[in-house]
């Protein structure tokens, strides 16, 4: 989670080139899925929104 936080703070999605913005959105969604799956394996529920 801390690596993602660092990425998100240094690589803004909005305002980027369209292709770069799309790639970052895909990466962000992939991280969301991985974290969701890891929490599920551990039996921990995740909030829908922060």
N, C-alpha and C. Protein backbone atom coordinates (compact mmCIF):
# COMPACT_ATOMS: atom_id res chain seq x y z
N UNK A 1 0.82 -1.19 0.00
CA UNK A 1 0.00 0.00 0.00
C UNK A 1 0.87 1.26 0.00
N UNK A 2 1.99 1.23 0.70
CA UNK A 2 2.84 2.43 0.75
C UNK A 2 3.48 2.71 -0.61
N UNK A 3 3.82 1.66 -1.35
CA UNK A 3 4.37 1.86 -2.70
C UNK A 3 3.34 2.51 -3.61
N UNK A 4 2.10 2.05 -3.50
CA UNK A 4 1.03 2.65 -4.31
C UNK A 4 0.83 4.10 -3.93
N UNK A 5 0.85 4.39 -2.63
CA UNK A 5 0.68 5.76 -2.16
C UNK A 5 1.76 6.67 -2.74
N UNK A 6 3.00 6.20 -2.73
CA UNK A 6 4.11 6.96 -3.30
C UNK A 6 3.90 7.20 -4.79
N UNK A 7 3.50 6.15 -5.50
CA UNK A 7 3.22 6.28 -6.93
C UNK A 7 2.13 7.31 -7.17
N UNK A 8 1.03 7.20 -6.43
CA UNK A 8 -0.13 8.07 -6.66
C UNK A 8 0.21 9.53 -6.38
N UNK A 9 1.05 9.78 -5.39
CA UNK A 9 1.44 11.15 -5.08
C UNK A 9 2.40 11.74 -6.10
N UNK A 10 3.20 10.92 -6.75
CA UNK A 10 4.20 11.45 -7.69
C UNK A 10 3.75 11.38 -9.15
N UNK A 11 2.77 10.56 -9.46
CA UNK A 11 2.32 10.38 -10.85
C UNK A 11 0.82 10.65 -10.94
N UNK A 12 0.47 11.87 -11.09
CA UNK A 12 -0.94 12.24 -11.15
C UNK A 12 -1.59 11.66 -12.40
N UNK A 13 -2.84 11.26 -12.25
CA UNK A 13 -3.58 10.68 -13.36
C UNK A 13 -4.23 11.78 -14.19
N UNK A 14 -4.92 12.68 -13.53
CA UNK A 14 -5.58 13.79 -14.24
C UNK A 14 -4.53 14.74 -14.81
N UNK A 15 -4.78 15.18 -16.02
CA UNK A 15 -3.87 16.13 -16.64
C UNK A 15 -2.73 15.50 -17.40
N UNK A 16 -2.62 14.19 -17.35
CA UNK A 16 -1.55 13.50 -18.09
C UNK A 16 -1.99 13.28 -19.53
N UNK A 17 -1.04 12.95 -20.38
CA UNK A 17 -1.33 12.56 -21.75
C UNK A 17 -2.39 11.46 -21.72
N UNK A 18 -3.28 11.44 -22.72
CA UNK A 18 -4.40 10.50 -22.71
C UNK A 18 -3.97 9.04 -22.58
N UNK A 19 -2.94 8.64 -23.33
CA UNK A 19 -2.46 7.26 -23.24
C UNK A 19 -1.85 6.96 -21.88
N UNK A 20 -1.09 7.91 -21.36
CA UNK A 20 -0.48 7.75 -20.04
C UNK A 20 -1.56 7.71 -18.96
N UNK A 21 -2.56 8.55 -19.10
CA UNK A 21 -3.66 8.57 -18.15
C UNK A 21 -4.38 7.22 -18.14
N UNK A 22 -4.64 6.67 -19.31
CA UNK A 22 -5.30 5.36 -19.41
C UNK A 22 -4.44 4.27 -18.77
N UNK A 23 -3.15 4.28 -19.05
CA UNK A 23 -2.25 3.27 -18.49
C UNK A 23 -2.21 3.37 -16.96
N UNK A 24 -2.19 4.58 -16.44
CA UNK A 24 -2.18 4.75 -14.99
C UNK A 24 -3.49 4.30 -14.37
N UNK A 25 -4.60 4.55 -15.06
CA UNK A 25 -5.90 4.11 -14.56
C UNK A 25 -5.97 2.59 -14.51
N UNK A 26 -5.42 1.92 -15.52
CA UNK A 26 -5.39 0.46 -15.53
C UNK A 26 -4.52 -0.05 -14.39
N UNK A 27 -3.38 0.58 -14.18
CA UNK A 27 -2.49 0.18 -13.08
C UNK A 27 -3.18 0.36 -11.73
N UNK A 28 -3.84 1.49 -11.54
CA UNK A 28 -4.54 1.75 -10.29
C UNK A 28 -5.63 0.72 -10.05
N UNK A 29 -6.39 0.39 -11.08
CA UNK A 29 -7.45 -0.61 -10.93
C UNK A 29 -6.86 -1.99 -10.63
N UNK A 30 -5.73 -2.30 -11.23
CA UNK A 30 -5.07 -3.58 -10.96
C UNK A 30 -4.62 -3.67 -9.51
N UNK A 31 -4.07 -2.60 -8.99
CA UNK A 31 -3.65 -2.57 -7.58
C UNK A 31 -4.87 -2.73 -6.67
N UNK A 32 -5.97 -2.09 -7.03
CA UNK A 32 -7.21 -2.22 -6.25
C UNK A 32 -7.64 -3.68 -6.18
N UNK A 33 -7.60 -4.36 -7.31
CA UNK A 33 -8.02 -5.77 -7.36
C UNK A 33 -7.09 -6.64 -6.51
N UNK A 34 -5.79 -6.41 -6.61
CA UNK A 34 -4.82 -7.19 -5.84
C UNK A 34 -5.04 -6.99 -4.34
N UNK A 35 -5.19 -5.75 -3.91
CA UNK A 35 -5.41 -5.47 -2.49
C UNK A 35 -6.72 -6.09 -2.02
N UNK A 36 -7.76 -5.97 -2.83
CA UNK A 36 -9.05 -6.57 -2.50
C UNK A 36 -8.93 -8.08 -2.34
N UNK A 37 -8.22 -8.74 -3.25
CA UNK A 37 -8.04 -10.19 -3.16
C UNK A 37 -7.22 -10.59 -1.95
N UNK A 38 -6.16 -9.84 -1.66
CA UNK A 38 -5.33 -10.14 -0.48
C UNK A 38 -6.14 -10.01 0.80
N UNK A 39 -6.93 -8.96 0.91
CA UNK A 39 -7.75 -8.78 2.10
C UNK A 39 -8.79 -9.89 2.22
N UNK A 40 -9.34 -10.30 1.10
CA UNK A 40 -10.32 -11.39 1.10
C UNK A 40 -9.70 -12.69 1.60
N UNK A 41 -8.49 -12.98 1.15
CA UNK A 41 -7.79 -14.19 1.60
C UNK A 41 -7.56 -14.14 3.11
N UNK A 42 -7.27 -12.95 3.62
CA UNK A 42 -7.03 -12.78 5.05
C UNK A 42 -8.32 -12.72 5.86
N UNK A 43 -9.46 -12.65 5.16
CA UNK A 43 -10.74 -12.58 5.84
C UNK A 43 -11.07 -11.19 6.37
N UNK A 44 -10.49 -10.18 5.76
CA UNK A 44 -10.70 -8.79 6.18
C UNK A 44 -11.54 -8.10 5.12
N UNK A 45 -12.55 -7.36 5.57
CA UNK A 45 -13.37 -6.62 4.60
C UNK A 45 -12.75 -5.24 4.37
N UNK A 46 -12.89 -4.77 3.15
CA UNK A 46 -12.34 -3.46 2.79
C UNK A 46 -13.49 -2.47 2.62
N UNK A 47 -13.28 -1.21 2.96
CA UNK A 47 -14.32 -0.21 2.74
C UNK A 47 -14.52 0.03 1.25
N UNK A 48 -15.73 0.38 0.86
CA UNK A 48 -16.01 0.68 -0.54
C UNK A 48 -15.30 1.97 -0.96
N UNK A 49 -15.26 2.95 -0.07
CA UNK A 49 -14.62 4.24 -0.36
C UNK A 49 -13.80 4.66 0.84
N UNK A 50 -12.79 5.44 0.56
CA UNK A 50 -11.97 6.00 1.64
C UNK A 50 -12.27 7.47 1.75
